Amino acid sequence: MKYPKVYRAEAVSDRILRVTFTNQDIKDYDISPLLEKPMFAPLRQPAFFKSFTLESGGYGIVWNEDIDISEYELWKHGITPKTDADLNSTSPDQGHFPQPLNPMLKPAYYLSKRALGTE
């Protein structure tokens, strides 16, 4: 199954990312479980957590060379917000907007082996 790419993302709290996908679906992704892994420890700092960018082509969200989350992870483990109020909890000028999609890029492989602790 092909998963939709990330179109837009914003931090709606110090632990939750709201992600809009190319198919117009919106999901909230809670990073709390990732914080148990040492490589994700910098995400505990709210300023660093909010400093992400979108990977070119919509293949994920990137903080630095070592920390990223793929579109598959965001899609598969994200939760659809329950109410319209949830969807309107941030102002429209927040978030990160992508560069034009490049179909030649290969998708990130879920979370990297390093992120999963299997390296």
PDB file of N, CA and C in Angstrom:
ATOM      1  N   MET A   1       0.840  -1.186   0.000  1.00  0.00           N
ATOM      2  CA  MET A   1       0.000   0.000   0.000  1.00  0.00           C
ATOM      3  C   MET A   1       0.882   1.247   0.000  1.00  0.00           C
ATOM      4  N   LYS A   2       0.538   2.195  -0.824  1.00  0.00           N
ATOM      5  CA  LYS A   2       1.244   3.470  -0.818  1.00  0.00           C
ATOM      6  C   LYS A   2       0.610   4.376   0.221  1.00  0.00           C
ATOM      7  N   TYR A   3       1.456   5.006   0.994  1.00  0.00           N
ATOM      8  CA  TYR A   3       0.967   5.921   2.016  1.00  0.00           C
ATOM      9  C   TYR A   3       1.081   7.344   1.509  1.00  0.00           C
ATOM     10  N   PRO A   4       0.145   8.211   1.917  1.00  0.00           N
ATOM     11  CA  PRO A   4       0.224   9.609   1.471  1.00  0.00           C
ATOM     12  C   PRO A   4       1.458  10.291   2.050  1.00  0.00           C
ATOM     13  N   LYS A   5       1.926  11.268   1.347  1.00  0.00           N
ATOM     14  CA  LYS A   5       3.090  12.045   1.785  1.00  0.00           C
ATOM     15  C   LYS A   5       2.638  13.173   2.715  1.00  0.00           C
ATOM     16  N   VAL A   6       3.590  13.733   3.427  1.00  0.00           N
ATOM     17  CA  VAL A   6       3.314  14.849   4.330  1.00  0.00           C
ATOM     18  C   VAL A   6       3.201  16.122   3.501  1.00  0.00           C
ATOM     19  N   TYR A   7       2.111  16.822   3.661  1.00  0.00           N
ATOM     20  CA  TYR A   7       1.910  18.088   2.974  1.00  0.00           C
ATOM     21  C   TYR A   7       2.244  19.275   3.879  1.00  0.00           C
ATOM     22  N   ARG A   8       1.863  19.143   5.147  1.00  0.00           N
ATOM     23  CA  ARG A   8       2.057  20.221   6.111  1.00  0.00           C
ATOM     24  C   ARG A   8       2.166  19.604   7.500  1.00  0.00           C
ATOM     25  N   ALA A   9       2.907  20.260   8.378  1.00  0.00           N
ATOM     26  CA  ALA A   9       3.011  19.784   9.761  1.00  0.00           C
ATOM     27  C   ALA A   9       3.176  20.973  10.681  1.00  0.00           C
ATOM     28  N   GLU A  10       2.648  20.818  11.886  1.00  0.00           N
ATOM     29  CA  GLU A  10       2.791  21.867  12.891  1.00  0.00           C
ATOM     30  C   GLU A  10       2.831  21.215  14.268  1.00  0.00           C
ATOM     31  N   ALA A  11       3.528  21.849  15.189  1.00  0.00           N
ATOM     32  CA  ALA A  11       3.552  21.396  16.575  1.00  0.00           C
ATOM     33  C   ALA A  11       2.367  22.052  17.275  1.00  0.00           C
ATOM     34  N   VAL A  12       1.457  21.239  17.804  1.00  0.00           N
ATOM     35  CA  VAL A  12       0.282  21.789  18.483  1.00  0.00           C
ATOM     36  C   VAL A  12       0.443  21.764  20.003  1.00  0.00           C
ATOM     37  N   SER A  13       1.519  21.130  20.466  1.00  0.00           N
ATOM     38  CA  SER A  13       1.898  21.152  21.885  1.00  0.00           C
ATOM     39  C   SER A  13       3.387  20.802  21.934  1.00  0.00           C
ATOM     40  N   ASP A  14       3.897  20.564  23.129  1.00  0.00           N
ATOM     41  CA  ASP A  14       5.310  20.202  23.255  1.00  0.00           C
ATOM     42  C   ASP A  14       5.580  18.740  22.925  1.00  0.00           C
ATOM     43  N   ARG A  15       4.546  17.970  22.591  1.00  0.00           N
ATOM     44  CA  ARG A  15       4.710  16.550  22.275  1.00  0.00           C
ATOM     45  C   ARG A  15       3.877  16.079  21.076  1.00  0.00           C
ATOM     46  N   ILE A  16       3.003  16.927  20.562  1.00  0.00           N
ATOM     47  CA  ILE A  16       2.080  16.504  19.506  1.00  0.00           C
ATOM     48  C   ILE A  16       2.357  17.259  18.202  1.00  0.00           C
ATOM     49  N   LEU A  17       2.472  16.482  17.117  1.00  0.00           N
ATOM     50  CA  LEU A  17       2.568  17.044  15.777  1.00  0.00           C
ATOM     51  C   LEU A  17       1.226  16.861  15.088  1.00  0.00           C
ATOM     52  N   ARG A  18       0.720  17.885  14.459  1.00  0.00           N
ATOM     53  CA  ARG A  18      -0.481  17.758  13.626  1.00  0.00           C
ATOM     54  C   ARG A  18       0.001  17.743  12.184  1.00  0.00           C
ATOM     55  N   VAL A  19      -0.282  16.653  11.500  1.00  0.00           N
ATOM     56  CA  VAL A  19       0.233  16.432  10.154  1.00  0.00           C
ATOM     57  C   VAL A  19      -0.917  16.379   9.160  1.00  0.00           C
ATOM     58  N   THR A  20      -0.817  17.171   8.102  1.00  0.00           N
ATOM     59  CA  THR A  20      -1.751  17.118   6.993  1.00  0.00           C
ATOM     60  C   THR A  20      -1.051  16.381   5.863  1.00  0.00           C
ATOM     61  N   PHE A  21      -1.720  15.382   5.327  1.00  0.00           N
ATOM     62  CA  PHE A  21      -1.145  14.555   4.271  1.00  0.00           C
ATOM     63  C   PHE A  21      -1.662  14.999   2.898  1.00  0.00           C
ATOM     64  N   THR A  22      -1.012  14.509   1.858  1.00  0.00           N
ATOM     65  CA  THR A  22      -1.370  14.901   0.490  1.00  0.00           C
ATOM     66  C   THR A  22      -2.769  14.450   0.086  1.00  0.00           C
ATOM     67  N   ASN A  23      -3.356  13.512   0.802  1.00  0.00           N
ATOM     68  CA  ASN A  23      -4.731  13.093   0.519  1.00  0.00           C
ATOM     69  C   ASN A  23      -5.749  13.889   1.346  1.00  0.00           C
ATOM     70  N   GLN A  24      -5.293  14.960   2.011  1.00  0.00           N
ATOM     71  CA  GLN A  24      -6.096  15.863   2.832  1.00  0.00           C
ATOM     72  C   GLN A  24      -6.449  15.319   4.209  1.00  0.00           C
ATOM     73  N   ASP A  25      -6.036  14.106   4.556  1.00  0.00           N
ATOM     74  CA  ASP A  25      -6.265  13.589   5.909  1.00  0.00           C
ATOM     75  C   ASP A  25      -5.364  14.333   6.886  1.00  0.00           C
ATOM     76  N   ILE A  26      -5.852  14.483   8.102  1.00  0.00           N
ATOM     77  CA  ILE A  26      -5.101  15.146   9.173  1.00  0.00           C
ATOM     78  C   ILE A  26      -4.980  14.166  10.325  1.00  0.00           C
ATOM     79  N   LYS A  27      -3.755  14.030  10.862  1.00  0.00           N
ATOM     80  CA  LYS A  27      -3.533  13.139  11.997  1.00  0.00           C
ATOM     81  C   LYS A  27      -2.633  13.824  13.012  1.00  0.00           C
ATOM     82  N   ASP A  28      -2.868  13.509  14.282  1.00  0.00           N
ATOM     83  CA  ASP A  28      -2.016  13.973  15.370  1.00  0.00           C
ATOM     84  C   ASP A  28      -1.074  12.832  15.744  1.00  0.00           C
ATOM     85  N   TYR A  29       0.203  13.164  15.856  1.00  0.00           N
ATOM     86  CA  TYR A  29       1.211  12.166  16.195  1.00  0.00           C
ATOM     87  C   TYR A  29       1.872  12.574  17.509  1.00  0.00           C
ATOM     88  N   ASP A  30       1.778  11.697  18.504  1.00  0.00           N
ATOM     89  CA  ASP A  30       2.355  11.948  19.826  1.00  0.00           C
ATOM     90  C   ASP A  30       3.758  11.331  19.872  1.00  0.00           C
ATOM     91  N   ILE A  31       4.769  12.165  20.097  1.00  0.00           N
ATOM     92  CA  ILE A  31       6.146  11.672  20.122  1.00  0.00           C
ATOM     93  C   ILE A  31       6.539  11.058  21.465  1.00  0.00           C
ATOM     94  N   SER A  32       5.677  11.106  22.461  1.00  0.00           N
ATOM     95  CA  SER A  32       6.024  10.641  23.816  1.00  0.00           C
ATOM     96  C   SER A  32       6.668   9.255  23.843  1.00  0.00           C
ATOM     97  N   PRO A  33       6.137   8.254  23.125  1.00  0.00           N
ATOM     98  CA  PRO A  33       6.783   6.932  23.165  1.00  0.00           C
ATOM     99  C   PRO A  33       8.222   6.946  22.633  1.00  0.00           C
ATOM    100  N   LEU A  34       8.510   7.833  21.700  1.00  0.00           N
ATOM    101  CA  LEU A  34       9.862   7.910  21.142  1.00  0.00           C
ATOM    102  C   LEU A  34      10.874   8.430  22.154  1.00  0.00           C
ATOM    103  N   LEU A  35      10.408   9.207  23.113  1.00  0.00           N
ATOM    104  CA  LEU A  35      11.308   9.840  24.068  1.00  0.00           C
ATOM    105  C   LEU A  35      11.995   8.835  24.988  1.00  0.00           C
ATOM    106  N   GLU A  36      11.545   7.593  24.987  1.00  0.00           N
ATOM    107  CA  GLU A  36      12.198   6.536  25.759  1.00  0.00           C
ATOM    108  C   GLU A  36      13.526   6.130  25.127  1.00  0.00           C
ATOM    109  N   LYS A  37      13.690   6.421  23.842  1.00  0.00           N
ATOM    110  CA  LYS A  37      14.923   6.087  23.133  1.00  0.00           C
ATOM    111  C   LYS A  37      15.908   7.245  23.256  1.00  0.00           C
ATOM    112  N   PRO A  38      17.148   6.975  23.633  1.00  0.00           N
ATOM    113  CA  PRO A  38      18.118   8.050  23.853  1.00  0.00           C
ATOM    114  C   PRO A  38      18.307   8.991  22.671  1.00  0.00           C
ATOM    115  N   MET A  39      18.239   8.464  21.448  1.00  0.00           N
ATOM    116  CA  MET A  39      18.495   9.347  20.311  1.00  0.00           C
ATOM    117  C   MET A  39      17.418  10.419  20.147  1.00  0.00           C
ATOM    118  N   PHE A  40      16.220  10.202  20.707  1.00  0.00           N
ATOM    119  CA  PHE A  40      15.142  11.182  20.611  1.00  0.00           C
ATOM    120  C   PHE A  40      15.106  12.144  21.800  1.00  0.00           C
ATOM    121  N   ALA A  41      16.039  12.012  22.737  1.00  0.00           N
ATOM    122  CA  ALA A  41      16.063  12.853  23.936  1.00  0.00           C
ATOM    123  C   ALA A  41      16.025  14.354  23.630  1.00  0.00           C
ATOM    124  N   PRO A  42      16.695  14.842  22.578  1.00  0.00           N
ATOM    125  CA  PRO A  42      16.626  16.285  22.302  1.00  0.00           C
ATOM    126  C   PRO A  42      15.196  16.800  22.054  1.00  0.00           C
ATOM    127  N   LEU A  43      14.284  15.902  21.659  1.00  0.00           N
ATOM    128  CA  LEU A  43      12.902  16.325  21.411  1.00  0.00           C
ATOM    129  C   LEU A  43      12.169  16.701  22.696  1.00  0.00           C
ATOM    130  N   ARG A  44      12.758  16.413  23.839  1.00  0.00           N
ATOM    131  CA  ARG A  44      12.156  16.824  25.115  1.00  0.00           C
ATOM    132  C   ARG A  44      12.212  18.339  25.292  1.00  0.00           C
ATOM    133  N   GLN A  45      13.124  18.982  24.592  1.00  0.00           N
ATOM    134  CA  GLN A  45      13.242  20.437  24.654  1.00  0.00           C
ATOM    135  C   GLN A  45      12.233  21.048  23.683  1.00  0.00           C
ATOM    136  N   PRO A  46      11.239  21.791  24.193  1.00  0.00           N
ATOM    137  CA  PRO A  46      10.184  22.325  23.327  1.00  0.00           C
ATOM    138  C   PRO A  46      10.693  23.134  22.135  1.00  0.00           C
ATOM    139  N   ALA A  47      11.711  23.942  22.326  1.00  0.00           N
ATOM    140  CA  ALA A  47      12.225  24.751  21.208  1.00  0.00           C
ATOM    141  C   ALA A  47      12.802  23.859  20.115  1.00  0.00           C
ATOM    142  N   PHE A  48      13.532  22.827  20.508  1.00  0.00           N
ATOM    143  CA  PHE A  48      14.097  21.908  19.514  1.00  0.00           C
ATOM    144  C   PHE A  48      12.976  21.124  18.832  1.00  0.00           C
ATOM    145  N   PHE A  49      12.027  20.632  19.613  1.00  0.00           N
ATOM    146  CA  PHE A  49      10.897  19.875  19.049  1.00  0.00           C
ATOM    147  C   PHE A  49      10.189  20.678  17.960  1.00  0.00           C
ATOM    148  N   LYS A  50      10.020  21.956  18.176  1.00  0.00           N
ATOM    149  CA  LYS A  50       9.288  22.801  17.226  1.00  0.00           C
ATOM    150  C   LYS A  50      10.148  23.271  16.059  1.00  0.00           C
ATOM    151  N   SER A  51      11.410  22.878  16.009  1.00  0.00           N
ATOM    152  CA  SER A  51      12.317  23.367  14.961  1.00  0.00           C
ATOM    153  C   SER A  51      12.445  22.425  13.762  1.00  0.00           C
ATOM    154  N   PHE A  52      11.516  21.533  13.562  1.00  0.00           N
ATOM    155  CA  PHE A  52      11.596  20.566  12.464  1.00  0.00           C
ATOM    156  C   PHE A  52      11.349  21.222  11.099  1.00  0.00           C
ATOM    157  N   THR A  53      11.710  20.482  10.070  1.00  0.00           N
ATOM    158  CA  THR A  53      11.381  20.852   8.689  1.00  0.00           C
ATOM    159  C   THR A  53      10.785  19.621   8.014  1.00  0.00           C
ATOM    160  N   LEU A  54      10.155  19.827   6.883  1.00  0.00           N
ATOM    161  CA  LEU A  54       9.641  18.702   6.108  1.00  0.00           C
ATOM    162  C   LEU A  54      10.731  18.189   5.192  1.00  0.00           C
ATOM    163  N   GLU A  55      10.827  16.879   5.106  1.00  0.00           N
ATOM    164  CA  GLU A  55      11.774  16.284   4.178  1.00  0.00           C
ATOM    165  C   GLU A  55      11.273  16.551   2.760  1.00  0.00           C
ATOM    166  N   SER A  56      12.187  16.882   1.885  1.00  0.00           N
ATOM    167  CA  SER A  56      11.829  17.154   0.503  1.00  0.00           C
ATOM    168  C   SER A  56      11.046  15.976  -0.069  1.00  0.00           C
ATOM    169  N   GLY A  57       9.968  16.261  -0.736  1.00  0.00           N
ATOM    170  CA  GLY A  57       9.122  15.215  -1.302  1.00  0.00           C
ATOM    171  C   GLY A  57       8.029  14.746  -0.371  1.00  0.00           C
ATOM    172  N   GLY A  58       7.980  15.275   0.858  1.00  0.00           N
ATOM    173  CA  GLY A  58       6.934  14.892   1.792  1.00  0.00           C
ATOM    174  C   GLY A  58       7.142  13.540   2.435  1.00  0.00           C
ATOM    175  N   TYR A  59       8.393  13.063   2.453  1.00  0.00           N
ATOM    176  CA  TYR A  59       8.669  11.726   2.968  1.00  0.00           C
ATOM    177  C   TYR A  59       8.849  11.662   4.476  1.00  0.00           C
ATOM    178  N   GLY A  60       8.693  12.764   5.161  1.00  0.00           N
ATOM    179  CA  GLY A  60       8.803  12.733   6.613  1.00  0.00           C
ATOM    180  C   GLY A  60       9.097  14.099   7.197  1.00  0.00           C
ATOM    181  N   ILE A  61       9.395  14.077   8.489  1.00  0.00           N
ATOM    182  CA  ILE A  61       9.728  15.278   9.249  1.00  0.00           C
ATOM    183  C   ILE A  61      11.146  15.085   9.777  1.00  0.00           C
ATOM    184  N   VAL A  62      11.965  16.145   9.699  1.00  0.00           N
ATOM    185  CA  VAL A  62      13.375  16.054  10.040  1.00  0.00           C
ATOM    186  C   VAL A  62      13.745  17.147  11.039  1.00  0.00           C
ATOM    187  N   TRP A  63      14.496  16.766  12.068  1.00  0.00           N
ATOM    188  CA  TRP A  63      15.052  17.737  13.011  1.00  0.00           C
ATOM    189  C   TRP A  63      16.537  17.961  12.731  1.00  0.00           C
ATOM    190  N   ASN A  64      17.268  16.879  12.510  1.00  0.00           N
ATOM    191  CA  ASN A  64      18.690  16.969  12.181  1.00  0.00           C
ATOM    192  C   ASN A  64      19.083  15.676  11.479  1.00  0.00           C
ATOM    193  N   GLU A  65      20.385  15.441  11.309  1.00  0.00           N
ATOM    194  CA  GLU A  65      20.858  14.231  10.618  1.00  0.00           C
ATOM    195  C   GLU A  65      20.424  12.943  11.302  1.00  0.00           C
ATOM    196  N   ASP A  66      20.260  13.009  12.604  1.00  0.00           N
ATOM    197  CA  ASP A  66      19.990  11.805  13.378  1.00  0.00           C
ATOM    198  C   ASP A  66      18.523  11.588  13.731  1.00  0.00           C
ATOM    199  N   ILE A  67      17.729  12.634  13.684  1.00  0.00           N
ATOM    200  CA  ILE A  67      16.350  12.529  14.161  1.00  0.00           C
ATOM    201  C   ILE A  67      15.384  12.876  13.039  1.00  0.00           C
ATOM    202  N   ASP A  68      14.572  11.897  12.677  1.00  0.00           N
ATOM    203  CA  ASP A  68      13.515  12.109  11.690  1.00  0.00           C
ATOM    204  C   ASP A  68      12.399  11.095  11.912  1.00  0.00           C
ATOM    205  N   ILE A  69      11.257  11.365  11.351  1.00  0.00           N
ATOM    206  CA  ILE A  69      10.120  10.446  11.410  1.00  0.00           C
ATOM    207  C   ILE A  69       9.539  10.366  10.008  1.00  0.00           C
ATOM    208  N   SER A  70       9.364   9.169   9.505  1.00  0.00           N
ATOM    209  CA  SER A  70       8.894   8.971   8.133  1.00  0.00           C
ATOM    210  C   SER A  70       7.400   9.216   7.998  1.00  0.00           C
ATOM    211  N   GLU A  71       6.976   9.401   6.766  1.00  0.00           N
ATOM    212  CA  GLU A  71       5.554   9.574   6.491  1.00  0.00           C
ATOM    213  C   GLU A  71       4.768   8.327   6.888  1.00  0.00           C
ATOM    214  N   TYR A  72       5.367   7.153   6.733  1.00  0.00           N
ATOM    215  CA  TYR A  72       4.705   5.908   7.123  1.00  0.00           C
ATOM    216  C   TYR A  72       4.416   5.899   8.619  1.00  0.00           C
ATOM    217  N   GLU A  73       5.413   6.220   9.421  1.00  0.00           N
ATOM    218  CA  GLU A  73       5.246   6.246  10.884  1.00  0.00           C
ATOM    219  C   GLU A  73       4.176   7.254  11.285  1.00  0.00           C
ATOM    220  N   LEU A  74       4.235   8.444  10.715  1.00  0.00           N
ATOM    221  CA  LEU A  74       3.258   9.495  11.034  1.00  0.00           C
ATOM    222  C   LEU A  74       1.844   9.060  10.646  1.00  0.00           C
ATOM    223  N   TRP A  75       1.712   8.430   9.488  1.00  0.00           N
ATOM    224  CA  TRP A  75       0.407   7.994   8.988  1.00  0.00           C
ATOM    225  C   TRP A  75      -0.116   6.807   9.802  1.00  0.00           C
ATOM    226  N   LYS A  76       0.713   5.805   9.976  1.00  0.00           N
ATOM    227  CA  LYS A  76       0.289   4.560  10.615  1.00  0.00           C
ATOM    228  C   LYS A  76      -0.035   4.746  12.094  1.00  0.00           C
ATOM    229  N   HIS A  77       0.733   5.588  12.799  1.00  0.00           N
ATOM    230  CA  HIS A  77       0.552   5.724  14.242  1.00  0.00           C
ATOM    231  C   HIS A  77      -0.051   7.059  14.660  1.00  0.00           C
ATOM    232  N   GLY A  78      -0.374   7.892  13.688  1.00  0.00           N
ATOM    233  CA  GLY A  78      -1.083   9.127  13.997  1.00  0.00           C
ATOM    234  C   GLY A  78      -2.552   8.846  14.265  1.00  0.00           C
ATOM    235  N   ILE A  79      -3.191   9.747  14.986  1.00  0.00           N
ATOM    236  CA  ILE A  79      -4.605   9.597  15.353  1.00  0.00           C
ATOM    237  C   ILE A  79      -5.384  10.771  14.763  1.00  0.00           C
ATOM    238  N   THR A  80      -6.492  10.472  14.125  1.00  0.00           N
ATOM    239  CA  THR A  80      -7.332  11.523  13.572  1.00  0.00           C
ATOM    240  C   THR A  80      -7.951  12.330  14.702  1.00  0.00           C
ATOM    241  N   PRO A  81      -7.792  13.675  14.686  1.00  0.00           N
ATOM    242  CA  PRO A  81      -8.427  14.499  15.736  1.00  0.00           C
ATOM    243  C   PRO A  81      -9.929  14.255  15.743  1.00  0.00           C
ATOM    244  N   LYS A  82     -10.531  14.285  16.949  1.00  0.00           N
ATOM    245  CA  LYS A  82     -11.933  13.897  17.101  1.00  0.00           C
ATOM    246  C   LYS A  82     -12.952  14.963  16.744  1.00  0.00           C
ATOM    247  N   THR A  83     -12.620  16.227  16.931  1.00  0.00           N
ATOM    248  CA  THR A  83     -13.629  17.266  16.718  1.00  0.00           C
ATOM    249  C   THR A  83     -13.092  18.394  15.856  1.00  0.00           C
ATOM    250  N   ASP A  84     -13.991  19.203  15.329  1.00  0.00           N
ATOM    251  CA  ASP A  84     -13.593  20.385  14.563  1.00  0.00           C
ATOM    252  C   ASP A  84     -12.790  21.334  15.439  1.00  0.00           C
ATOM    253  N   ALA A  85     -13.124  21.416  16.733  1.00  0.00           N
ATOM    254  CA  ALA A  85     -12.388  22.295  17.642  1.00  0.00           C
ATOM    255  C   ALA A  85     -10.926  21.852  17.722  1.00  0.00           C
ATOM    256  N   ASP A  86     -10.692  20.518  17.713  1.00  0.00           N
ATOM    257  CA  ASP A  86      -9.318  20.014  17.725  1.00  0.00           C
ATOM    258  C   ASP A  86      -8.563  20.477  16.488  1.00  0.00           C
ATOM    259  N   LEU A  87      -9.239  20.479  15.348  1.00  0.00           N
ATOM    260  CA  LEU A  87      -8.587  20.852  14.095  1.00  0.00           C
ATOM    261  C   LEU A  87      -8.311  22.346  14.013  1.00  0.00           C
ATOM    262  N   ASN A  88      -9.041  23.141  14.767  1.00  0.00           N
ATOM    263  CA  ASN A  88      -8.874  24.591  14.717  1.00  0.00           C
ATOM    264  C   ASN A  88      -8.108  25.129  15.921  1.00  0.00           C
ATOM    265  N   SER A  89      -7.325  24.272  16.574  1.00  0.00           N
ATOM    266  CA  SER A  89      -6.670  24.678  17.808  1.00  0.00           C
ATOM    267  C   SER A  89      -5.428  25.536  17.589  1.00  0.00           C
ATOM    268  N   THR A  90      -4.983  25.669  16.345  1.00  0.00           N
ATOM    269  CA  THR A  90      -3.819  26.510  16.072  1.00  0.00           C
ATOM    270  C   THR A  90      -4.163  27.500  14.974  1.00  0.00           C
ATOM    271  N   SER A  91      -3.384  28.552  14.917  1.00  0.00           N
ATOM    272  CA  SER A  91      -3.642  29.552  13.885  1.00  0.00           C
ATOM    273  C   SER A  91      -3.099  29.072  12.544  1.00  0.00           C
ATOM    274  N   PRO A  92      -3.675  29.543  11.429  1.00  0.00           N
ATOM    275  CA  PRO A  92      -3.283  29.048  10.116  1.00  0.00           C
ATOM    276  C   PRO A  92      -1.874  29.450   9.702  1.00  0.00           C
ATOM    277  N   ASP A  93      -1.259  30.402  10.399  1.00  0.00           N
ATOM    278  CA  ASP A  93       0.085  30.806  10.002  1.00  0.00           C
ATOM    279  C   ASP A  93       1.165  29.955  10.658  1.00  0.00           C
ATOM    280  N   GLN A  94       0.785  28.980  11.489  1.00  0.00           N
ATOM    281  CA  GLN A  94       1.758  28.099  12.110  1.00  0.00           C
ATOM    282  C   GLN A  94       2.013  26.916  11.189  1.00  0.00           C
ATOM    283  N   GLY A  95       3.091  26.229  11.435  1.00  0.00           N
ATOM    284  CA  GLY A  95       3.380  25.014  10.681  1.00  0.00           C
ATOM    285  C   GLY A  95       4.457  25.223   9.644  1.00  0.00           C
ATOM    286  N   HIS A  96       4.771  24.139   8.984  1.00  0.00           N
ATOM    287  CA  HIS A  96       5.814  24.135   7.980  1.00  0.00           C
ATOM    288  C   HIS A  96       5.204  23.712   6.657  1.00  0.00           C
ATOM    289  N   PHE A  97       5.503  24.421   5.611  1.00  0.00           N
ATOM    290  CA  PHE A  97       4.958  24.101   4.310  1.00  0.00           C
ATOM    291  C   PHE A  97       6.038  23.482   3.448  1.00  0.00           C
ATOM    292  N   PRO A  98       5.689  22.500   2.652  1.00  0.00           N
ATOM    293  CA  PRO A  98       6.679  21.745   1.905  1.00  0.00           C
ATOM    294  C   PRO A  98       7.170  22.449   0.651  1.00  0.00           C
ATOM    295  N   GLN A  99       8.292  21.953   0.188  1.00  0.00           N
ATOM    296  CA  GLN A  99       8.763  22.300  -1.146  1.00  0.00           C
ATOM    297  C   GLN A  99       7.913  21.487  -2.115  1.00  0.00           C
ATOM    298  N   PRO A 100       7.915  21.814  -3.402  1.00  0.00           N
ATOM    299  CA  PRO A 100       7.157  20.998  -4.356  1.00  0.00           C
ATOM    300  C   PRO A 100       7.583  19.538  -4.268  1.00  0.00           C
ATOM    301  N   LEU A 101       6.637  18.627  -4.418  1.00  0.00           N
ATOM    302  CA  LEU A 101       6.931  17.209  -4.307  1.00  0.00           C
ATOM    303  C   LEU A 101       7.818  16.747  -5.456  1.00  0.00           C
ATOM    304  N   ASN A 102       8.758  15.886  -5.161  1.00  0.00           N
ATOM    305  CA  ASN A 102       9.664  15.337  -6.154  1.00  0.00           C
ATOM    306  C   ASN A 102       9.433  13.834  -6.209  1.00  0.00           C
ATOM    307  N   PRO A 103       8.777  13.324  -7.244  1.00  0.00           N
ATOM    308  CA  PRO A 103       8.463  11.895  -7.303  1.00  0.00           C
ATOM    309  C   PRO A 103       9.691  11.013  -7.470  1.00  0.00           C
ATOM    310  N   MET A 104      10.850  11.584  -7.742  1.00  0.00           N
ATOM    311  CA  MET A 104      12.060  10.798  -7.937  1.00  0.00           C
ATOM    312  C   MET A 104      12.708  10.398  -6.605  1.00  0.00           C
ATOM    313  N   LEU A 105      12.330  11.020  -5.509  1.00  0.00           N
ATOM    314  CA  LEU A 105      12.925  10.698  -4.220  1.00  0.00           C
ATOM    315  C   LEU A 105      12.383   9.383  -3.685  1.00  0.00           C
ATOM    316  N   LYS A 106      13.225   8.647  -3.014  1.00  0.00           N
ATOM    317  CA  LYS A 106      12.802   7.390  -2.401  1.00  0.00           C
ATOM    318  C   LYS A 106      12.312   7.678  -0.988  1.00  0.00           C
ATOM    319  N   PRO A 107      11.278   6.972  -0.527  1.00  0.00           N
ATOM    320  CA  PRO A 107      10.754   7.242   0.815  1.00  0.00           C
ATOM    321  C   PRO A 107      11.715   6.808   1.910  1.00  0.00           C
ATOM    322  N   ALA A 108      11.613   7.473   3.052  1.00  0.00           N
ATOM    323  CA  ALA A 108      12.376   7.071   4.230  1.00  0.00           C
ATOM    324  C   ALA A 108      11.866   5.699   4.661  1.00  0.00           C
ATOM    325  N   TYR A 109      12.709   4.875   5.212  1.00  0.00           N
ATOM    326  CA  TYR A 109      12.303   3.560   5.663  1.00  0.00           C
ATOM    327  C   TYR A 109      11.800   3.640   7.094  1.00  0.00           C
ATOM    328  N   TYR A 110      10.513   3.842   7.230  1.00  0.00           N
ATOM    329  CA  TYR A 110       9.824   3.989   8.510  1.00  0.00           C
ATOM    330  C   TYR A 110      10.636   4.884   9.433  1.00  0.00           C
ATOM    331  N   LEU A 111      11.088   4.376  10.553  1.00  0.00           N
ATOM    332  CA  LEU A 111      12.067   5.081  11.373  1.00  0.00           C
ATOM    333  C   LEU A 111      13.407   4.443  11.038  1.00  0.00           C
ATOM    334  N   SER A 112      14.457   5.199  11.102  1.00  0.00           N
ATOM    335  CA  SER A 112      15.767   4.638  10.771  1.00  0.00           C
ATOM    336  C   SER A 112      16.119   3.534  11.760  1.00  0.00           C
ATOM    337  N   LYS A 113      17.016   2.650  11.346  1.00  0.00           N
ATOM    338  CA  LYS A 113      17.466   1.568  12.241  1.00  0.00           C
ATOM    339  C   LYS A 113      18.065   2.165  13.506  1.00  0.00           C
ATOM    340  N   ARG A 114      18.754   3.273  13.357  1.00  0.00           N
ATOM    341  CA  ARG A 114      19.370   3.932  14.514  1.00  0.00           C
ATOM    342  C   ARG A 114      18.275   4.393  15.485  1.00  0.00           C
ATOM    343  N   ALA A 115      17.190   4.955  14.938  1.00  0.00           N
ATOM    344  CA  ALA A 115      16.099   5.442  15.779  1.00  0.00           C
ATOM    345  C   ALA A 115      15.420   4.295  16.524  1.00  0.00           C
ATOM    346  N   LEU A 116      15.343   3.154  15.884  1.00  0.00           N
ATOM    347  CA  LEU A 116      14.675   2.016  16.506  1.00  0.00           C
ATOM    348  C   LEU A 116      15.597   1.239  17.429  1.00  0.00           C
ATOM    349  N   GLY A 117      16.899   1.596  17.459  1.00  0.00           N
ATOM    350  CA  GLY A 117      17.834   0.910  18.330  1.00  0.00           C
ATOM    351  C   GLY A 117      18.251  -0.458  17.805  1.00  0.00           C
ATOM    352  N   THR A 118      18.086  -0.680  16.479  1.00  0.00           N
ATOM    353  CA  THR A 118      18.469  -1.968  15.904  1.00  0.00           C
ATOM    354  C   THR A 118      19.788  -1.887  15.166  1.00  0.00           C
ATOM    355  N   GLU A 119      20.465  -0.746  15.259  1.00  0.00           N
ATOM    356  CA  GLU A 119      21.743  -0.574  14.553  1.00  0.00           C
ATOM    357  C   GLU A 119      22.870  -1.037  15.442  1.00  0.00           C
TER     358      GLU A 119
END
